[in-house]
Protein backbone atom coordinates (compact mmCIF):
# COMPACT_ATOMS: atom_id res chain seq x y z
CA MET A 1 102.66 103.48 -30.59
CA SER A 2 102.18 102.21 -34.11
CA GLU A 3 98.95 100.79 -35.51
CA ASN A 4 100.38 97.26 -35.56
CA LYS A 5 101.43 97.34 -31.89
CA THR A 6 98.00 98.62 -30.87
CA ASN A 7 96.27 95.78 -32.71
CA ASP A 8 98.54 93.23 -31.05
CA LEU A 9 97.38 94.36 -27.60
CA ILE A 10 93.78 93.33 -28.35
CA PRO A 11 93.68 89.58 -29.03
CA ASP A 12 89.90 89.33 -29.60
CA LYS A 13 88.92 92.41 -31.57
CA LEU A 14 85.33 91.31 -32.15
CA ALA A 15 84.66 90.88 -28.42
CA TYR A 16 86.41 94.20 -27.73
CA GLN A 17 84.16 96.05 -30.19
CA THR A 18 81.06 94.27 -28.88
CA ASN A 19 81.89 95.23 -25.30
CA LYS A 20 82.50 98.86 -26.28
CA ARG A 21 79.17 98.94 -28.10
CA ARG A 22 77.36 97.44 -25.10
CA MET A 23 78.99 100.01 -22.84
CA ALA A 24 77.73 102.80 -25.09
CA TRP A 25 74.17 101.44 -25.12
CA ILE A 26 74.14 101.00 -21.34
CA LEU A 27 75.41 104.55 -20.86
CA LEU A 28 72.73 105.88 -23.20
CA ALA A 29 70.07 103.94 -21.27
CA MET A 30 71.39 105.28 -17.95
CA MET A 31 71.35 108.83 -19.29
CA LEU A 32 67.77 108.36 -20.50
CA PHE A 33 66.74 106.91 -17.13
CA THR A 34 68.38 109.80 -15.26
CA THR A 35 66.64 112.34 -17.47
CA LEU A 36 63.24 110.66 -17.12
CA ALA A 37 63.63 110.30 -13.34
CA THR A 38 64.46 114.00 -13.07
CA ILE A 39 61.42 114.95 -15.15
CA TYR A 40 59.14 112.56 -13.24
CA ASP A 41 60.10 113.67 -9.72
CA PRO A 42 62.16 116.88 -9.82
CA ILE A 43 61.80 117.67 -6.12
CA ARG A 44 63.25 114.34 -5.06
CA MET A 45 66.05 114.60 -7.62
CA ALA A 46 66.93 118.12 -6.46
CA GLU A 47 68.49 116.60 -3.33
CA ALA A 48 71.01 114.70 -5.44
CA GLU A 49 71.55 117.38 -8.08
CA SER A 50 75.33 117.67 -7.74
CA ILE A 51 75.84 113.91 -7.88
CA LEU A 52 73.51 113.56 -10.86
CA MET A 53 75.27 116.35 -12.75
CA THR A 54 78.66 114.74 -12.12
CA GLN A 55 77.30 111.36 -13.22
CA TYR A 56 75.68 112.85 -16.32
CA LEU A 57 78.84 114.72 -17.34
CA SER A 58 80.96 111.61 -16.85
CA MET A 59 78.63 109.52 -18.98
CA CYS A 60 78.60 112.20 -21.69
CA GLY A 61 82.40 112.25 -21.63
CA LEU A 62 82.63 108.48 -21.99
CA LEU A 63 80.16 108.43 -24.86
CA GLY A 64 81.88 111.33 -26.56
CA ALA A 65 85.25 109.63 -26.25
CA TYR A 66 83.84 106.37 -27.60
CA PHE A 67 82.26 107.98 -30.65
CA GLY A 68 85.22 110.29 -31.20
CA PHE A 69 87.82 107.54 -31.10
CA SER A 70 85.59 105.30 -33.23
CA ALA A 71 85.36 108.04 -35.85
CA ILE A 72 89.12 108.63 -35.79
CA SER A 73 89.93 104.94 -36.09
CA GLY A 74 87.35 104.59 -38.88
CA ARG A 75 89.26 107.11 -41.01
CA LYS A 76 92.47 105.10 -41.01
């Protein structure tokens, strides 16, 4: 898909970028909360360890993809 076709798919680019940025900040806040909750009460969090690890890895993947694609598109 060419650059021009990709830009045509997003009618409101400013809102699109704002929403992506908000998503990144919310994910960072959720990761911070998860980390602090685990440090605060590790015994209680041990019961949900597998779910928390899956959640944490998913959030890291989303943030990594956001920053990676932002860096790639910034080079063009």
